[in-house]
Protein backbone atom coordinates (compact mmCIF):
# COMPACT_ATOMS: atom_id res chain seq x y z
CA MET A 1 -2.71 -28.00 28.61
CA PRO A 2 -3.28 -24.34 27.63
CA ARG A 3 -0.76 -21.67 28.41
CA PRO A 4 -1.31 -19.63 31.55
CA ALA A 5 -3.27 -16.43 30.96
CA LYS A 6 -1.07 -13.58 29.80
CA LYS A 7 -1.44 -10.36 31.73
CA LEU A 8 -0.48 -7.18 29.93
CA ASN A 9 0.59 -4.16 31.92
CA SER A 10 0.81 -0.59 30.63
CA LYS A 11 4.47 -1.09 29.63
CA ASP A 12 3.50 -4.11 27.52
CA LEU A 13 0.71 -2.14 25.85
CA GLN A 14 3.06 0.75 25.05
CA GLU A 15 5.58 -1.66 23.56
CA ILE A 16 2.87 -3.33 21.45
CA GLU A 17 1.77 0.07 20.14
CA ALA A 18 5.36 1.00 19.32
CA LEU A 19 5.99 -2.28 17.48
CA ALA A 20 2.78 -1.86 15.48
CA GLY A 21 3.94 1.65 14.60
CA LEU A 22 7.15 0.20 13.17
CA GLY A 23 5.11 -1.94 10.80
CA LEU A 24 5.54 -5.35 12.44
CA THR A 25 2.79 -7.82 11.69
CA GLN A 26 0.52 -9.02 14.47
CA GLN A 27 2.22 -12.41 14.28
CA GLN A 28 5.64 -10.81 14.73
CA ILE A 29 4.44 -8.74 17.67
CA ALA A 30 2.86 -11.82 19.26
CA ASP A 31 6.17 -13.67 18.84
CA VAL A 32 8.09 -10.83 20.49
CA LYS A 33 5.63 -10.75 23.38
CA ASP A 34 5.52 -14.57 23.63
CA MET A 35 1.79 -14.91 23.16
CA GLY A 36 -0.68 -16.06 20.56
CA VAL A 37 -2.10 -13.71 17.95
CA ASP A 38 -5.63 -14.19 19.28
CA THR A 39 -4.52 -13.14 22.78
CA LEU A 40 -2.66 -10.16 21.34
CA ARG A 41 -5.75 -9.03 19.44
CA LYS A 42 -8.05 -9.63 22.40
CA TYR A 43 -6.10 -7.55 24.90
CA SER A 44 -4.41 -4.91 22.73
CA HIS A 45 -6.71 -4.24 19.78
CA THR A 46 -6.69 -0.49 20.46
CA GLN A 47 -2.89 -0.32 20.72
CA LEU A 48 -2.44 -2.31 17.51
CA LYS A 49 -4.78 -0.03 15.60
CA ARG A 50 -3.41 3.20 17.06
CA GLY A 51 0.22 2.15 16.60
CA ARG A 52 -0.33 1.19 12.98
CA SER A 53 -2.13 4.47 12.27
CA ARG A 54 0.60 6.54 13.92
CA GLY A 55 3.26 4.70 11.94
CA VAL A 56 1.46 5.40 8.66
CA ALA A 57 1.02 9.04 9.70
CA ARG A 58 4.78 9.37 10.32
CA LEU A 59 5.53 7.86 6.91
CA ALA A 60 3.03 10.15 5.19
CA ASP A 61 4.51 13.17 6.95
CA THR A 62 8.01 12.22 5.82
CA ALA A 63 6.82 11.61 2.25
CA PHE A 64 5.05 14.99 2.10
CA LYS A 65 8.09 16.80 3.46
CA LYS A 66 10.31 15.13 0.87
CA ALA A 67 7.91 16.02 -1.94
CA LEU A 68 7.58 19.63 -0.80
CA SER A 69 11.36 19.99 -0.44
CA GLY A 70 11.83 19.20 -4.13
CA ASP A 71 12.07 15.41 -4.33
CA THR A 72 10.47 14.99 -7.76
CA THR A 73 10.20 11.22 -7.49
CA MET A 74 8.27 11.48 -4.22
CA LEU A 75 6.09 14.24 -5.65
CA ILE A 76 5.14 12.10 -8.64
CA PHE A 77 4.52 9.08 -6.40
CA LEU A 78 2.19 11.02 -4.09
CA LEU A 79 0.29 12.54 -7.01
CA LYS A 80 -0.28 9.07 -8.47
CA VAL A 81 -1.22 7.39 -5.20
CA LEU A 82 -3.16 10.13 -3.46
CA GLY A 83 -4.19 12.34 -6.36
CA GLY A 84 -5.25 9.69 -8.85
CA PHE A 85 -2.83 10.93 -11.50
CA GLN A 86 -1.90 8.50 -14.27
CA GLU A 87 0.70 8.39 -16.96
CA LYS A 88 -1.01 7.85 -20.28
CA GLN A 89 1.34 6.69 -22.99
CA PRO A 90 0.64 8.22 -26.38
CA ILE A 91 0.28 5.73 -29.21
CA PRO A 92 3.25 6.20 -31.57
CA ASP A 93 2.39 7.46 -35.08
CA VAL A 94 3.95 4.37 -36.63
CA LEU A 95 1.59 2.12 -34.68
CA LEU A 96 -1.40 4.28 -35.65
CA LYS A 97 -0.46 3.93 -39.32
CA VAL A 98 -0.12 0.15 -39.00
CA LEU A 99 -3.46 -0.10 -37.22
CA GLY A 100 -5.05 2.10 -39.92
CA ARG A 101 -3.72 -0.18 -42.64
CA LEU A 102 -5.00 -3.25 -40.83
CA ASN A 103 -8.47 -1.72 -40.54
CA GLU A 104 -8.44 -0.72 -44.22
CA GLY A 105 -7.52 -4.29 -45.14
CA ASP A 106 -10.42 -5.65 -43.08
CA GLU A 107 -12.88 -3.34 -44.79
CA GLY A 108 -11.63 -4.36 -48.22
CA ASP A 109 -12.16 -8.06 -47.41
CA GLU A 110 -15.76 -7.41 -46.41
CA GLU A 111 -16.52 -5.60 -49.67
CA GLU A 112 -15.16 -8.44 -51.78
CA GLU A 113 -17.41 -10.98 -50.03
CA THR A 114 -20.62 -9.19 -51.04
């Protein structure tokens, strides 16, 4: 026998939005509200989406403030994630020399075969 229909009032919807803003999964929110995930999605899609977006916005705001206040680690992180910056490791001279020698050896082998 199916569960009785769950009715969500405005307090329930506010709580769902707040839980989504804290980063809880839909399954976790459904468990807290004692309902199935499908029911949660059906009746509170807007609150789930808005709560999640507001939570991400709060995190982004905090990250930006930390970066702008001098947190070098956060600044580097944001530049990499949002700005597309990458750390390119230079190839050490020793490795370049070894690679050059390997290539020279390959060329010498080809000449001997002809």
